Amino acid sequence: MKKTKTKNEKTAKENEINKKMSFAEILEKKPEAASILMGKGMHCCGCPMAMQETLEQGACAHGLDADEIVGELNSKKKRK
């Protein structure tokens, strides 16, 4: 029997960040991601020209591991 996902599981998956997302998509889903990206030296995430660049492209340009950043962005708890 196939297990169906709960509404919370579906919502969590929809809000998950991946390395193929553009900076614009990431910041729209999780505005708090800006502080993590800036802390890693990815100041380009605020540049209008870079908003269509993917996280993977930006990480590569800065010599960073995109998968590590994705993990950090997805584990970051939303501040209230």
PDB file of N, CA and C in Angstrom:
ATOM      1  N   MET A   1       0.840  -1.178   0.000  1.00  0.00           N
ATOM      2  CA  MET A   1       0.000   0.000   0.000  1.00  0.00           C
ATOM      3  C   MET A   1       0.890   1.248   0.000  1.00  0.00           C
ATOM      4  N   LYS A   2       0.588   2.183  -0.868  1.00  0.00           N
ATOM      5  CA  LYS A   2       1.367   3.409  -1.003  1.00  0.00           C
ATOM      6  C   LYS A   2       0.936   4.435   0.034  1.00  0.00           C
ATOM      7  N   LYS A   3       1.915   4.984   0.725  1.00  0.00           N
ATOM      8  CA  LYS A   3       1.632   5.989   1.741  1.00  0.00           C
ATOM      9  C   LYS A   3       1.409   7.346   1.073  1.00  0.00           C
ATOM     10  N   THR A   4       0.313   8.001   1.424  1.00  0.00           N
ATOM     11  CA  THR A   4       0.052   9.333   0.889  1.00  0.00           C
ATOM     12  C   THR A   4       0.653  10.374   1.817  1.00  0.00           C
ATOM     13  N   LYS A   5       1.115  11.443   1.226  1.00  0.00           N
ATOM     14  CA  LYS A   5       1.733  12.513   2.009  1.00  0.00           C
ATOM     15  C   LYS A   5       0.664  13.382   2.662  1.00  0.00           C
ATOM     16  N   THR A   6       0.977  13.826   3.859  1.00  0.00           N
ATOM     17  CA  THR A   6       0.072  14.736   4.554  1.00  0.00           C
ATOM     18  C   THR A   6       0.205  16.127   3.958  1.00  0.00           C
ATOM     19  N   LYS A   7      -0.728  16.986   4.288  1.00  0.00           N
ATOM     20  CA  LYS A   7      -0.706  18.366   3.806  1.00  0.00           C
ATOM     21  C   LYS A   7       0.578  19.072   4.253  1.00  0.00           C
ATOM     22  N   ASN A   8       1.018  18.840   5.500  1.00  0.00           N
ATOM     23  CA  ASN A   8       2.238  19.470   6.008  1.00  0.00           C
ATOM     24  C   ASN A   8       3.474  18.980   5.265  1.00  0.00           C
ATOM     25  N   GLU A   9       3.514  17.687   4.911  1.00  0.00           N
ATOM     26  CA  GLU A   9       4.643  17.146   4.165  1.00  0.00           C
ATOM     27  C   GLU A   9       4.707  17.750   2.766  1.00  0.00           C
ATOM     28  N   LYS A  10       3.545  17.911   2.133  1.00  0.00           N
ATOM     29  CA  LYS A  10       3.499  18.513   0.801  1.00  0.00           C
ATOM     30  C   LYS A  10       3.956  19.969   0.858  1.00  0.00           C
ATOM     31  N   THR A  11       3.482  20.706   1.843  1.00  0.00           N
ATOM     32  CA  THR A  11       3.856  22.110   1.996  1.00  0.00           C
ATOM     33  C   THR A  11       5.350  22.243   2.249  1.00  0.00           C
ATOM     34  N   ALA A  12       5.903  21.386   3.087  1.00  0.00           N
ATOM     35  CA  ALA A  12       7.336  21.435   3.390  1.00  0.00           C
ATOM     36  C   ALA A  12       8.148  21.195   2.121  1.00  0.00           C
ATOM     37  N   LYS A  13       7.748  20.223   1.315  1.00  0.00           N
ATOM     38  CA  LYS A  13       8.462  19.908   0.070  1.00  0.00           C
ATOM     39  C   LYS A  13       8.378  21.075  -0.908  1.00  0.00           C
ATOM     40  N   GLU A  14       7.215  21.708  -0.999  1.00  0.00           N
ATOM     41  CA  GLU A  14       7.034  22.846  -1.903  1.00  0.00           C
ATOM     42  C   GLU A  14       7.900  24.025  -1.495  1.00  0.00           C
ATOM     43  N   ASN A  15       8.171  24.177  -0.204  1.00  0.00           N
ATOM     44  CA  ASN A  15       8.967  25.297   0.293  1.00  0.00           C
ATOM     45  C   ASN A  15      10.450  25.002   0.328  1.00  0.00           C
ATOM     46  N   GLU A  16      10.832  23.789  -0.051  1.00  0.00           N
ATOM     47  CA  GLU A  16      12.237  23.403  -0.010  1.00  0.00           C
ATOM     48  C   GLU A  16      13.020  24.096  -1.126  1.00  0.00           C
ATOM     49  N   ILE A  17      14.212  24.533  -0.779  1.00  0.00           N
ATOM     50  CA  ILE A  17      15.107  25.190  -1.733  1.00  0.00           C
ATOM     51  C   ILE A  17      15.944  24.120  -2.429  1.00  0.00           C
ATOM     52  N   ASN A  18      16.240  24.326  -3.727  1.00  0.00           N
ATOM     53  CA  ASN A  18      17.180  23.445  -4.425  1.00  0.00           C
ATOM     54  C   ASN A  18      18.153  24.294  -5.229  1.00  0.00           C
ATOM     55  N   LYS A  19      19.244  23.687  -5.651  1.00  0.00           N
ATOM     56  CA  LYS A  19      20.317  24.450  -6.297  1.00  0.00           C
ATOM     57  C   LYS A  19      19.985  24.909  -7.712  1.00  0.00           C
ATOM     58  N   LYS A  20      18.898  24.415  -8.286  1.00  0.00           N
ATOM     59  CA  LYS A  20      18.491  24.837  -9.634  1.00  0.00           C
ATOM     60  C   LYS A  20      17.586  26.069  -9.598  1.00  0.00           C
ATOM     61  N   MET A  21      17.223  26.525  -8.392  1.00  0.00           N
ATOM     62  CA  MET A  21      16.376  27.717  -8.257  1.00  0.00           C
ATOM     63  C   MET A  21      17.211  28.976  -8.456  1.00  0.00           C
ATOM     64  N   SER A  22      16.556  29.990  -9.004  1.00  0.00           N
ATOM     65  CA  SER A  22      17.218  31.284  -9.153  1.00  0.00           C
ATOM     66  C   SER A  22      17.245  31.992  -7.792  1.00  0.00           C
ATOM     67  N   PHE A  23      18.124  32.965  -7.681  1.00  0.00           N
ATOM     68  CA  PHE A  23      18.170  33.756  -6.444  1.00  0.00           C
ATOM     69  C   PHE A  23      16.811  34.411  -6.195  1.00  0.00           C
ATOM     70  N   ALA A  24      16.143  34.849  -7.254  1.00  0.00           N
ATOM     71  CA  ALA A  24      14.830  35.482  -7.109  1.00  0.00           C
ATOM     72  C   ALA A  24      13.833  34.506  -6.489  1.00  0.00           C
ATOM     73  N   GLU A  25      13.822  33.264  -6.961  1.00  0.00           N
ATOM     74  CA  GLU A  25      12.903  32.251  -6.414  1.00  0.00           C
ATOM     75  C   GLU A  25      13.215  31.956  -4.948  1.00  0.00           C
ATOM     76  N   ILE A  26      14.491  31.834  -4.647  1.00  0.00           N
ATOM     77  CA  ILE A  26      14.903  31.531  -3.277  1.00  0.00           C
ATOM     78  C   ILE A  26      14.480  32.643  -2.329  1.00  0.00           C
ATOM     79  N   LEU A  27      14.765  33.874  -2.694  1.00  0.00           N
ATOM     80  CA  LEU A  27      14.440  34.998  -1.821  1.00  0.00           C
ATOM     81  C   LEU A  27      12.938  35.229  -1.711  1.00  0.00           C
ATOM     82  N   GLU A  28      12.194  34.835  -2.728  1.00  0.00           N
ATOM     83  CA  GLU A  28      10.733  34.937  -2.649  1.00  0.00           C
ATOM     84  C   GLU A  28      10.188  33.907  -1.650  1.00  0.00           C
ATOM     85  N   LYS A  29      10.725  32.696  -1.683  1.00  0.00           N
ATOM     86  CA  LYS A  29      10.278  31.639  -0.768  1.00  0.00           C
ATOM     87  C   LYS A  29      10.771  31.866   0.657  1.00  0.00           C
ATOM     88  N   LYS A  30      12.037  32.284   0.778  1.00  0.00           N
ATOM     89  CA  LYS A  30      12.657  32.449   2.092  1.00  0.00           C
ATOM     90  C   LYS A  30      13.492  33.735   2.118  1.00  0.00           C
ATOM     91  N   PRO A  31      12.857  34.865   2.414  1.00  0.00           N
ATOM     92  CA  PRO A  31      13.594  36.129   2.454  1.00  0.00           C
ATOM     93  C   PRO A  31      14.779  36.089   3.422  1.00  0.00           C
ATOM     94  N   GLU A  32      14.660  35.272   4.482  1.00  0.00           N
ATOM     95  CA  GLU A  32      15.738  35.174   5.454  1.00  0.00           C
ATOM     96  C   GLU A  32      16.992  34.506   4.872  1.00  0.00           C
ATOM     97  N   ALA A  33      16.891  33.930   3.683  1.00  0.00           N
ATOM     98  CA  ALA A  33      18.037  33.307   3.029  1.00  0.00           C
ATOM     99  C   ALA A  33      19.102  34.345   2.669  1.00  0.00           C
ATOM    100  N   ALA A  34      18.698  35.586   2.508  1.00  0.00           N
ATOM    101  CA  ALA A  34      19.648  36.641   2.137  1.00  0.00           C
ATOM    102  C   ALA A  34      20.805  36.732   3.126  1.00  0.00           C
ATOM    103  N   SER A  35      20.525  36.625   4.414  1.00  0.00           N
ATOM    104  CA  SER A  35      21.597  36.745   5.411  1.00  0.00           C
ATOM    105  C   SER A  35      22.575  35.576   5.316  1.00  0.00           C
ATOM    106  N   ILE A  36      22.089  34.381   5.006  1.00  0.00           N
ATOM    107  CA  ILE A  36      22.978  33.220   4.851  1.00  0.00           C
ATOM    108  C   ILE A  36      23.851  33.401   3.608  1.00  0.00           C
ATOM    109  N   LEU A  37      23.227  33.790   2.500  1.00  0.00           N
ATOM    110  CA  LEU A  37      23.972  33.977   1.257  1.00  0.00           C
ATOM    111  C   LEU A  37      25.013  35.088   1.393  1.00  0.00           C
ATOM    112  N   MET A  38      24.627  36.193   2.004  1.00  0.00           N
ATOM    113  CA  MET A  38      25.564  37.303   2.212  1.00  0.00           C
ATOM    114  C   MET A  38      26.719  36.870   3.114  1.00  0.00           C
ATOM    115  N   GLY A  39      26.407  36.084   4.123  1.00  0.00           N
ATOM    116  CA  GLY A  39      27.434  35.603   5.046  1.00  0.00           C
ATOM    117  C   GLY A  39      28.463  34.719   4.374  1.00  0.00           C
ATOM    118  N   LYS A  40      28.107  34.129   3.252  1.00  0.00           N
ATOM    119  CA  LYS A  40      29.022  33.282   2.498  1.00  0.00           C
ATOM    120  C   LYS A  40      29.742  34.067   1.403  1.00  0.00           C
ATOM    121  N   GLY A  41      29.526  35.388   1.384  1.00  0.00           N
ATOM    122  CA  GLY A  41      30.187  36.232   0.396  1.00  0.00           C
ATOM    123  C   GLY A  41      29.435  36.341  -0.918  1.00  0.00           C
ATOM    124  N   MET A  42      28.215  35.828  -0.939  1.00  0.00           N
ATOM    125  CA  MET A  42      27.418  35.872  -2.166  1.00  0.00           C
ATOM    126  C   MET A  42      26.557  37.140  -2.172  1.00  0.00           C
ATOM    127  N   HIS A  43      27.229  38.273  -2.191  1.00  0.00           N
ATOM    128  CA  HIS A  43      26.539  39.564  -2.175  1.00  0.00           C
ATOM    129  C   HIS A  43      25.776  39.795  -3.474  1.00  0.00           C
ATOM    130  N   CYS A  44      26.075  39.005  -4.474  1.00  0.00           N
ATOM    131  CA  CYS A  44      25.407  39.122  -5.775  1.00  0.00           C
ATOM    132  C   CYS A  44      23.926  38.775  -5.693  1.00  0.00           C
ATOM    133  N   CYS A  45      23.489  38.104  -4.626  1.00  0.00           N
ATOM    134  CA  CYS A  45      22.074  37.711  -4.533  1.00  0.00           C
ATOM    135  C   CYS A  45      21.153  38.922  -4.492  1.00  0.00           C
ATOM    136  N   GLY A  46      21.682  40.084  -4.222  1.00  0.00           N
ATOM    137  CA  GLY A  46      20.885  41.304  -4.211  1.00  0.00           C
ATOM    138  C   GLY A  46      20.994  42.101  -5.492  1.00  0.00           C
ATOM    139  N   CYS A  47      21.808  41.654  -6.409  1.00  0.00           N
ATOM    140  CA  CYS A  47      22.035  42.369  -7.670  1.00  0.00           C
ATOM    141  C   CYS A  47      20.950  42.006  -8.680  1.00  0.00           C
ATOM    142  N   PRO A  48      20.312  42.997  -9.293  1.00  0.00           N
ATOM    143  CA  PRO A  48      19.259  42.704 -10.275  1.00  0.00           C
ATOM    144  C   PRO A  48      19.734  41.802 -11.419  1.00  0.00           C
ATOM    145  N   MET A  49      20.980  41.910 -11.819  1.00  0.00           N
ATOM    146  CA  MET A  49      21.506  41.086 -12.912  1.00  0.00           C
ATOM    147  C   MET A  49      21.640  39.626 -12.500  1.00  0.00           C
ATOM    148  N   ALA A  50      21.879  39.374 -11.227  1.00  0.00           N
ATOM    149  CA  ALA A  50      22.104  38.010 -10.758  1.00  0.00           C
ATOM    150  C   ALA A  50      20.818  37.328 -10.302  1.00  0.00           C
ATOM    151  N   MET A  51      19.719  38.010 -10.265  1.00  0.00           N
ATOM    152  CA  MET A  51      18.477  37.431  -9.742  1.00  0.00           C
ATOM    153  C   MET A  51      17.996  36.234 -10.556  1.00  0.00           C
ATOM    154  N   GLN A  52      18.370  36.149 -11.820  1.00  0.00           N
ATOM    155  CA  GLN A  52      17.974  35.014 -12.658  1.00  0.00           C
ATOM    156  C   GLN A  52      19.019  33.897 -12.642  1.00  0.00           C
ATOM    157  N   GLU A  53      20.149  34.152 -12.018  1.00  0.00           N
ATOM    158  CA  GLU A  53      21.199  33.142 -11.891  1.00  0.00           C
ATOM    159  C   GLU A  53      20.757  32.101 -10.866  1.00  0.00           C
ATOM    160  N   THR A  54      21.110  30.845 -11.100  1.00  0.00           N
ATOM    161  CA  THR A  54      20.751  29.807 -10.138  1.00  0.00           C
ATOM    162  C   THR A  54      21.732  29.813  -8.968  1.00  0.00           C
ATOM    163  N   LEU A  55      21.293  29.218  -7.892  1.00  0.00           N
ATOM    164  CA  LEU A  55      22.164  29.082  -6.727  1.00  0.00           C
ATOM    165  C   LEU A  55      23.410  28.294  -7.109  1.00  0.00           C
ATOM    166  N   GLU A  56      23.242  27.282  -7.925  1.00  0.00           N
ATOM    167  CA  GLU A  56      24.376  26.464  -8.358  1.00  0.00           C
ATOM    168  C   GLU A  56      25.392  27.302  -9.141  1.00  0.00           C
ATOM    169  N   GLN A  57      24.914  28.148 -10.033  1.00  0.00           N
ATOM    170  CA  GLN A  57      25.806  29.011 -10.813  1.00  0.00           C
ATOM    171  C   GLN A  57      26.540  29.995  -9.907  1.00  0.00           C
ATOM    172  N   GLY A  58      25.812  30.594  -8.980  1.00  0.00           N
ATOM    173  CA  GLY A  58      26.420  31.549  -8.061  1.00  0.00           C
ATOM    174  C   GLY A  58      27.451  30.894  -7.161  1.00  0.00           C
ATOM    175  N   ALA A  59      27.126  29.714  -6.649  1.00  0.00           N
ATOM    176  CA  ALA A  59      28.065  28.992  -5.783  1.00  0.00           C
ATOM    177  C   ALA A  59      29.334  28.643  -6.545  1.00  0.00           C
ATOM    178  N   CYS A  60      29.178  28.186  -7.773  1.00  0.00           N
ATOM    179  CA  CYS A  60      30.326  27.838  -8.607  1.00  0.00           C
ATOM    180  C   CYS A  60      31.219  29.058  -8.837  1.00  0.00           C
ATOM    181  N   ALA A  61      30.609  30.191  -9.126  1.00  0.00           N
ATOM    182  CA  ALA A  61      31.366  31.421  -9.373  1.00  0.00           C
ATOM    183  C   ALA A  61      32.149  31.875  -8.143  1.00  0.00           C
ATOM    184  N   HIS A  62      31.665  31.493  -6.957  1.00  0.00           N
ATOM    185  CA  HIS A  62      32.315  31.890  -5.709  1.00  0.00           C
ATOM    186  C   HIS A  62      33.136  30.760  -5.093  1.00  0.00           C
ATOM    187  N   GLY A  63      33.241  29.633  -5.796  1.00  0.00           N
ATOM    188  CA  GLY A  63      34.020  28.508  -5.289  1.00  0.00           C
ATOM    189  C   GLY A  63      33.402  27.849  -4.069  1.00  0.00           C
ATOM    190  N   LEU A  64      32.065  27.847  -3.994  1.00  0.00           N
ATOM    191  CA  LEU A  64      31.353  27.279  -2.854  1.00  0.00           C
ATOM    192  C   LEU A  64      30.615  26.009  -3.254  1.00  0.00           C
ATOM    193  N   ASP A  65      30.261  25.195  -2.280  1.00  0.00           N
ATOM    194  CA  ASP A  65      29.523  23.955  -2.497  1.00  0.00           C
ATOM    195  C   ASP A  65      28.021  24.252  -2.450  1.00  0.00           C
ATOM    196  N   ALA A  66      27.354  24.145  -3.599  1.00  0.00           N
ATOM    197  CA  ALA A  66      25.918  24.454  -3.695  1.00  0.00           C
ATOM    198  C   ALA A  66      25.086  23.542  -2.808  1.00  0.00           C
ATOM    199  N   ASP A  67      25.441  22.264  -2.724  1.00  0.00           N
ATOM    200  CA  ASP A  67      24.670  21.321  -1.905  1.00  0.00           C
ATOM    201  C   ASP A  67      24.745  21.682  -0.429  1.00  0.00           C
ATOM    202  N   GLU A  68      25.902  22.137   0.012  1.00  0.00           N
ATOM    203  CA  GLU A  68      26.071  22.553   1.410  1.00  0.00           C
ATOM    204  C   GLU A  68      25.182  23.765   1.713  1.00  0.00           C
ATOM    205  N   ILE A  69      25.153  24.706   0.789  1.00  0.00           N
ATOM    206  CA  ILE A  69      24.334  25.913   0.969  1.00  0.00           C
ATOM    207  C   ILE A  69      22.849  25.547   0.984  1.00  0.00           C
ATOM    208  N   VAL A  70      22.444  24.656   0.089  1.00  0.00           N
ATOM    209  CA  VAL A  70      21.047  24.209   0.045  1.00  0.00           C
ATOM    210  C   VAL A  70      20.662  23.587   1.385  1.00  0.00           C
ATOM    211  N   GLY A  71      21.529  22.745   1.914  1.00  0.00           N
ATOM    212  CA  GLY A  71      21.257  22.121   3.206  1.00  0.00           C
ATOM    213  C   GLY A  71      21.077  23.146   4.302  1.00  0.00           C
ATOM    214  N   GLU A  72      21.939  24.146   4.292  1.00  0.00           N
ATOM    215  CA  GLU A  72      21.841  25.199   5.310  1.00  0.00           C
ATOM    216  C   GLU A  72      20.562  26.027   5.134  1.00  0.00           C
ATOM    217  N   LEU A  73      20.218  26.343   3.908  1.00  0.00           N
ATOM    218  CA  LEU A  73      19.007  27.131   3.655  1.00  0.00           C
ATOM    219  C   LEU A  73      17.750  26.364   4.055  1.00  0.00           C
ATOM    220  N   ASN A  74      17.732  25.071   3.818  1.00  0.00           N
ATOM    221  CA  ASN A  74      16.554  24.261   4.150  1.00  0.00           C
ATOM    222  C   ASN A  74      16.451  23.940   5.640  1.00  0.00           C
ATOM    223  N   SER A  75      17.568  24.002   6.343  1.00  0.00           N
ATOM    224  CA  SER A  75      17.515  23.710   7.787  1.00  0.00           C
ATOM    225  C   SER A  75      17.271  24.951   8.608  1.00  0.00           C
ATOM    226  N   LYS A  76      17.407  26.122   7.990  1.00  0.00           N
ATOM    227  CA  LYS A  76      17.230  27.392   8.690  1.00  0.00           C
ATOM    228  C   LYS A  76      15.779  27.548   9.113  1.00  0.00           C
ATOM    229  N   LYS A  77      15.569  27.763  10.395  1.00  0.00           N
ATOM    230  CA  LYS A  77      14.219  27.967  10.919  1.00  0.00           C
ATOM    231  C   LYS A  77      13.790  29.406  10.657  1.00  0.00           C
ATOM    232  N   LYS A  78      12.546  29.576  10.277  1.00  0.00           N
ATOM    233  CA  LYS A  78      12.007  30.909  10.020  1.00  0.00           C
ATOM    234  C   LYS A  78      11.836  31.660  11.337  1.00  0.00           C
ATOM    235  N   ARG A  79      12.373  32.871  11.358  1.00  0.00           N
ATOM    236  CA  ARG A  79      12.242  33.715  12.559  1.00  0.00           C
ATOM    237  C   ARG A  79      10.868  34.355  12.587  1.00  0.00           C
ATOM    238  N   LYS A  80      10.367  34.517  13.805  1.00  0.00           N
ATOM    239  CA  LYS A  80       9.064  35.162  13.959  1.00  0.00           C
ATOM    240  C   LYS A  80       9.206  36.582  14.392  1.00  0.00           C
TER     241      LYS A  80
END
